[in-house]
Amino acid sequence: MHLVVAVSAQPNLTGLPGSNVLQQLVDGAEAWALTIALLGAFIGAAIWAVASHTHNHHYAARGRMAALISGASALVVGAAPGLVNFFERLGTTAR
């Protein structure tokens, strides 16, 4: 005879001491990441514009790549909480 014990977990942001500090750290890290991505987009666009104007195709391509990567990183940072919640919900449906 097998005895099966069901376990469960319910995420609770107030369940542990210091959880509010952890939430503040996450919020601050997200703000810093988005700020750095914005700065990267500005710098990449500036390099792209100046290099294109001076006919320096190598640096123009590098500036364009920096601007696009900065935009993609902002997309990942913004979508990360939704993706984590999506996969958490998907995981709770597994049996």
C-alpha atoms as a PDB file:
ATOM      1  CA  MET A   1       0.000   0.000   0.000  1.00  0.00           C
ATOM      2  CA  HIS A   2       1.345   3.401  -1.006  1.00  0.00           C
ATOM      3  CA  LEU A   3       0.676   6.384   1.157  1.00  0.00           C
ATOM      4  CA  VAL A   4       0.681   9.531  -0.945  1.00  0.00           C
ATOM      5  CA  VAL A   5       0.999  12.818   0.860  1.00  0.00           C
ATOM      6  CA  ALA A   6       0.082  15.879  -1.142  1.00  0.00           C
ATOM      7  CA  VAL A   7       2.232  18.941  -0.617  1.00  0.00           C
ATOM      8  CA  SER A   8       1.445  22.483  -1.618  1.00  0.00           C
ATOM      9  CA  ALA A   9       3.123  25.857  -1.799  1.00  0.00           C
ATOM     10  CA  GLN A  10       1.530  29.278  -1.841  1.00  0.00           C
ATOM     11  CA  PRO A  11       3.847  32.211  -2.657  1.00  0.00           C
ATOM     12  CA  ASN A  12       3.474  34.898   0.006  1.00  0.00           C
ATOM     13  CA  LEU A  13       5.518  38.095  -0.120  1.00  0.00           C
ATOM     14  CA  THR A  14       4.921  38.742   3.582  1.00  0.00           C
ATOM     15  CA  GLY A  15       5.663  35.186   4.693  1.00  0.00           C
ATOM     16  CA  LEU A  16       9.260  35.796   5.784  1.00  0.00           C
ATOM     17  CA  PRO A  17      10.888  38.612   7.704  1.00  0.00           C
ATOM     18  CA  GLY A  18      12.593  41.057   5.383  1.00  0.00           C
ATOM     19  CA  SER A  19      10.340  40.269   2.421  1.00  0.00           C
ATOM     20  CA  ASN A  20       9.566  43.954   1.969  1.00  0.00           C
ATOM     21  CA  VAL A  21      13.293  44.660   1.696  1.00  0.00           C
ATOM     22  CA  LEU A  22      13.653  41.931  -0.930  1.00  0.00           C
ATOM     23  CA  GLN A  23      10.768  43.461  -2.907  1.00  0.00           C
ATOM     24  CA  GLN A  24      12.447  46.884  -2.710  1.00  0.00           C
ATOM     25  CA  LEU A  25      15.702  45.347  -3.985  1.00  0.00           C
ATOM     26  CA  VAL A  26      13.903  43.741  -6.922  1.00  0.00           C
ATOM     27  CA  ASP A  27      12.110  46.999  -7.765  1.00  0.00           C
ATOM     28  CA  GLY A  28      15.357  48.965  -7.507  1.00  0.00           C
ATOM     29  CA  ALA A  29      17.259  46.461  -9.648  1.00  0.00           C
ATOM     30  CA  GLU A  30      14.554  46.674 -12.314  1.00  0.00           C
ATOM     31  CA  ALA A  31      14.735  50.476 -12.292  1.00  0.00           C
ATOM     32  CA  TRP A  32      18.535  50.390 -12.619  1.00  0.00           C
ATOM     33  CA  ALA A  33      18.364  47.834 -15.445  1.00  0.00           C
ATOM     34  CA  LEU A  34      15.855  49.933 -17.385  1.00  0.00           C
ATOM     35  CA  THR A  35      17.913  53.081 -16.803  1.00  0.00           C
ATOM     36  CA  ILE A  36      21.052  51.371 -18.093  1.00  0.00           C
ATOM     37  CA  ALA A  37      19.142  50.046 -21.117  1.00  0.00           C
ATOM     38  CA  LEU A  38      17.900  53.569 -21.868  1.00  0.00           C
ATOM     39  CA  LEU A  39      21.398  54.987 -21.537  1.00  0.00           C
ATOM     40  CA  GLY A  40      22.715  52.246 -23.842  1.00  0.00           C
ATOM     41  CA  ALA A  41      20.049  53.063 -26.419  1.00  0.00           C
ATOM     42  CA  PHE A  42      20.950  56.770 -26.294  1.00  0.00           C
ATOM     43  CA  ILE A  43      24.671  56.130 -26.614  1.00  0.00           C
ATOM     44  CA  GLY A  44      24.187  53.510 -29.354  1.00  0.00           C
ATOM     45  CA  ALA A  45      21.934  55.835 -31.339  1.00  0.00           C
ATOM     46  CA  ALA A  46      24.410  58.698 -30.976  1.00  0.00           C
ATOM     47  CA  ILE A  47      27.309  56.530 -32.160  1.00  0.00           C
ATOM     48  CA  TRP A  48      25.189  55.239 -35.029  1.00  0.00           C
ATOM     49  CA  ALA A  49      24.268  58.782 -36.122  1.00  0.00           C
ATOM     50  CA  VAL A  50      27.767  60.245 -35.874  1.00  0.00           C
ATOM     51  CA  ALA A  51      29.420  57.241 -37.522  1.00  0.00           C
ATOM     52  CA  SER A  52      26.875  57.236 -40.351  1.00  0.00           C
ATOM     53  CA  HIS A  53      27.437  60.935 -40.906  1.00  0.00           C
ATOM     54  CA  THR A  54      31.228  60.434 -41.065  1.00  0.00           C
ATOM     55  CA  HIS A  55      30.862  57.361 -43.328  1.00  0.00           C
ATOM     56  CA  ASN A  56      32.377  55.015 -40.751  1.00  0.00           C
ATOM     57  CA  HIS A  57      30.343  51.908 -41.506  1.00  0.00           C
ATOM     58  CA  HIS A  58      31.976  49.722 -38.854  1.00  0.00           C
ATOM     59  CA  TYR A  59      31.098  52.053 -35.974  1.00  0.00           C
ATOM     60  CA  ALA A  60      27.666  52.750 -37.465  1.00  0.00           C
ATOM     61  CA  ALA A  61      26.919  49.025 -37.353  1.00  0.00           C
ATOM     62  CA  ARG A  62      28.221  48.827 -33.768  1.00  0.00           C
ATOM     63  CA  GLY A  63      26.062  51.770 -32.699  1.00  0.00           C
ATOM     64  CA  ARG A  64      23.006  50.268 -34.373  1.00  0.00           C
ATOM     65  CA  MET A  65      23.670  46.943 -32.633  1.00  0.00           C
ATOM     66  CA  ALA A  66      24.058  48.692 -29.257  1.00  0.00           C
ATOM     67  CA  ALA A  67      20.747  50.515 -29.715  1.00  0.00           C
ATOM     68  CA  LEU A  68      18.918  47.330 -30.731  1.00  0.00           C
ATOM     69  CA  ILE A  69      20.413  45.245 -27.918  1.00  0.00           C
ATOM     70  CA  SER A  70      19.474  47.942 -25.412  1.00  0.00           C
ATOM     71  CA  GLY A  71      15.901  47.863 -26.684  1.00  0.00           C
ATOM     72  CA  ALA A  72      15.800  44.078 -26.471  1.00  0.00           C
ATOM     73  CA  SER A  73      17.194  44.122 -22.948  1.00  0.00           C
ATOM     74  CA  ALA A  74      14.490  46.603 -21.891  1.00  0.00           C
ATOM     75  CA  LEU A  75      11.924  44.223 -23.381  1.00  0.00           C
ATOM     76  CA  VAL A  76      13.321  41.321 -21.343  1.00  0.00           C
ATOM     77  CA  VAL A  77      13.446  43.370 -18.128  1.00  0.00           C
ATOM     78  CA  GLY A  78       9.876  44.577 -18.608  1.00  0.00           C
ATOM     79  CA  ALA A  79       8.529  41.149 -19.531  1.00  0.00           C
ATOM     80  CA  ALA A  80      10.415  39.192 -16.841  1.00  0.00           C
ATOM     81  CA  PRO A  81       7.776  39.444 -14.061  1.00  0.00           C
ATOM     82  CA  GLY A  82       5.024  38.403 -16.463  1.00  0.00           C
ATOM     83  CA  LEU A  83       7.093  35.498 -17.783  1.00  0.00           C
ATOM     84  CA  VAL A  84       7.910  34.284 -14.273  1.00  0.00           C
ATOM     85  CA  ASN A  85       4.228  34.488 -13.273  1.00  0.00           C
ATOM     86  CA  PHE A  86       3.166  32.704 -16.463  1.00  0.00           C
ATOM     87  CA  PHE A  87       5.526  29.791 -15.880  1.00  0.00           C
ATOM     88  CA  GLU A  88       4.636  29.644 -12.173  1.00  0.00           C
ATOM     89  CA  ARG A  89       0.954  29.324 -13.102  1.00  0.00           C
ATOM     90  CA  LEU A  90       1.848  26.772 -15.760  1.00  0.00           C
ATOM     91  CA  GLY A  91       3.835  24.816 -13.185  1.00  0.00           C
ATOM     92  CA  THR A  92       0.938  24.715 -10.726  1.00  0.00           C
ATOM     93  CA  THR A  93      -1.184  22.925 -13.326  1.00  0.00           C
ATOM     94  CA  ALA A  94       1.320  20.062 -13.618  1.00  0.00           C
ATOM     95  CA  ARG A  95       0.306  16.824 -11.956  1.00  0.00           C
END
